N, C-alpha and C. Protein backbone atom coordinates (compact mmCIF):
# COMPACT_ATOMS: atom_id res chain seq x y z
N MET A 1 -12.49 131.41 -56.86
CA MET A 1 -12.95 130.16 -56.31
C MET A 1 -14.21 129.73 -57.08
N GLU A 2 -14.26 128.48 -57.43
CA GLU A 2 -15.39 127.94 -58.19
C GLU A 2 -16.47 127.44 -57.25
N GLN A 3 -17.71 127.85 -57.49
CA GLN A 3 -18.84 127.43 -56.66
C GLN A 3 -19.32 126.04 -57.08
N PRO A 4 -19.76 125.23 -56.12
CA PRO A 4 -20.32 123.93 -56.49
C PRO A 4 -21.63 124.11 -57.24
N ILE A 5 -21.93 123.21 -58.14
CA ILE A 5 -23.16 123.29 -58.93
C ILE A 5 -24.25 122.52 -58.19
N ALA A 6 -25.34 123.20 -57.90
CA ALA A 6 -26.46 122.56 -57.21
C ALA A 6 -27.34 121.84 -58.22
N ARG A 7 -27.76 120.66 -57.88
CA ARG A 7 -28.65 119.93 -58.77
C ARG A 7 -30.04 120.55 -58.70
N LYS A 8 -30.83 120.33 -59.72
CA LYS A 8 -32.20 120.80 -59.77
C LYS A 8 -33.12 119.59 -59.78
N GLU A 9 -34.23 119.72 -59.10
CA GLU A 9 -35.21 118.65 -58.97
C GLU A 9 -36.56 119.20 -59.43
N ILE A 10 -37.34 118.39 -60.10
CA ILE A 10 -38.63 118.86 -60.57
C ILE A 10 -39.66 118.73 -59.44
N VAL A 11 -39.99 119.86 -58.83
CA VAL A 11 -40.99 119.92 -57.77
C VAL A 11 -41.87 121.12 -58.07
N THR A 12 -43.18 120.93 -58.05
CA THR A 12 -44.10 122.03 -58.29
C THR A 12 -45.20 122.02 -57.25
N ASP A 13 -45.72 123.20 -56.96
CA ASP A 13 -46.89 123.37 -56.11
C ASP A 13 -47.88 124.23 -56.87
N THR A 14 -49.15 124.03 -56.59
CA THR A 14 -50.18 124.84 -57.22
C THR A 14 -50.92 125.60 -56.13
N TYR A 15 -50.90 126.91 -56.23
CA TYR A 15 -51.58 127.80 -55.29
C TYR A 15 -52.62 128.60 -56.04
N PHE A 16 -53.87 128.42 -55.69
CA PHE A 16 -54.97 129.18 -56.28
C PHE A 16 -54.94 129.14 -57.80
N GLY A 17 -54.60 127.97 -58.35
CA GLY A 17 -54.60 127.79 -59.79
C GLY A 17 -53.30 128.18 -60.49
N THR A 18 -52.32 128.67 -59.75
CA THR A 18 -51.03 129.04 -60.33
C THR A 18 -49.97 128.02 -59.92
N THR A 19 -49.29 127.44 -60.89
CA THR A 19 -48.26 126.45 -60.61
C THR A 19 -46.91 127.13 -60.45
N ILE A 20 -46.26 126.82 -59.34
CA ILE A 20 -44.96 127.40 -59.00
C ILE A 20 -43.91 126.29 -58.98
N ALA A 21 -42.81 126.48 -59.70
CA ALA A 21 -41.71 125.52 -59.71
C ALA A 21 -40.73 125.85 -58.57
N ASP A 22 -40.25 124.83 -57.90
CA ASP A 22 -39.29 125.01 -56.81
C ASP A 22 -38.17 123.98 -56.99
N PRO A 23 -37.24 124.24 -57.94
CA PRO A 23 -36.21 123.25 -58.26
C PRO A 23 -35.18 123.02 -57.15
N TYR A 24 -35.13 123.90 -56.17
CA TYR A 24 -34.14 123.75 -55.11
C TYR A 24 -34.76 123.41 -53.76
N ARG A 25 -35.95 122.83 -53.78
CA ARG A 25 -36.63 122.50 -52.53
C ARG A 25 -35.79 121.55 -51.67
N TRP A 26 -35.05 120.67 -52.29
CA TRP A 26 -34.24 119.72 -51.52
C TRP A 26 -33.27 120.43 -50.59
N MET A 27 -32.95 121.69 -50.87
CA MET A 27 -32.03 122.43 -50.00
C MET A 27 -32.68 122.85 -48.69
N GLU A 28 -33.98 122.70 -48.57
CA GLU A 28 -34.67 123.03 -47.33
C GLU A 28 -34.35 122.03 -46.22
N ASP A 29 -33.84 120.87 -46.57
CA ASP A 29 -33.46 119.86 -45.59
C ASP A 29 -32.02 120.13 -45.14
N TRP A 30 -31.88 120.94 -44.10
CA TRP A 30 -30.56 121.36 -43.62
C TRP A 30 -29.71 120.21 -43.12
N LYS A 31 -30.35 119.12 -42.72
CA LYS A 31 -29.61 117.98 -42.18
C LYS A 31 -29.31 116.93 -43.23
N GLY A 32 -29.72 117.18 -44.48
CA GLY A 32 -29.47 116.23 -45.55
C GLY A 32 -27.99 116.14 -45.90
N GLU A 33 -27.54 114.96 -46.23
CA GLU A 33 -26.12 114.73 -46.53
C GLU A 33 -25.64 115.52 -47.75
N GLU A 34 -26.47 115.63 -48.76
CA GLU A 34 -26.04 116.31 -49.98
C GLU A 34 -25.77 117.80 -49.71
N LEU A 35 -26.62 118.43 -48.93
CA LEU A 35 -26.43 119.84 -48.62
C LEU A 35 -25.20 120.03 -47.73
N LYS A 36 -25.02 119.15 -46.78
CA LYS A 36 -23.83 119.23 -45.92
C LYS A 36 -22.56 119.12 -46.76
N ASN A 37 -22.57 118.20 -47.72
CA ASN A 37 -21.39 118.01 -48.57
C ASN A 37 -21.12 119.23 -49.43
N ASN A 38 -22.15 119.87 -49.97
CA ASN A 38 -21.95 121.07 -50.78
C ASN A 38 -21.42 122.22 -49.95
N ASN A 39 -21.91 122.39 -48.72
CA ASN A 39 -21.41 123.46 -47.87
C ASN A 39 -19.96 123.19 -47.47
N TRP A 40 -19.63 121.95 -47.26
CA TRP A 40 -18.26 121.60 -46.89
C TRP A 40 -17.27 121.98 -48.01
N LYS A 41 -17.66 121.79 -49.26
CA LYS A 41 -16.79 122.12 -50.38
C LYS A 41 -16.49 123.61 -50.45
N ARG A 42 -17.45 124.42 -50.02
CA ARG A 42 -17.26 125.87 -50.15
C ARG A 42 -16.41 126.44 -49.04
N ASN A 43 -16.31 125.75 -47.89
CA ASN A 43 -15.57 126.31 -46.75
C ASN A 43 -14.18 125.78 -46.68
């Protein structure tokens, strides 16, 4: 079975002078339509 490809988004945070990239932050929105659609494809 082929997994859906998740898009990446440019989001960064800086903690104590260190920059951290979080390309999948959009997945934290469980009620978002895009995430619902990706989960639907897998089931």
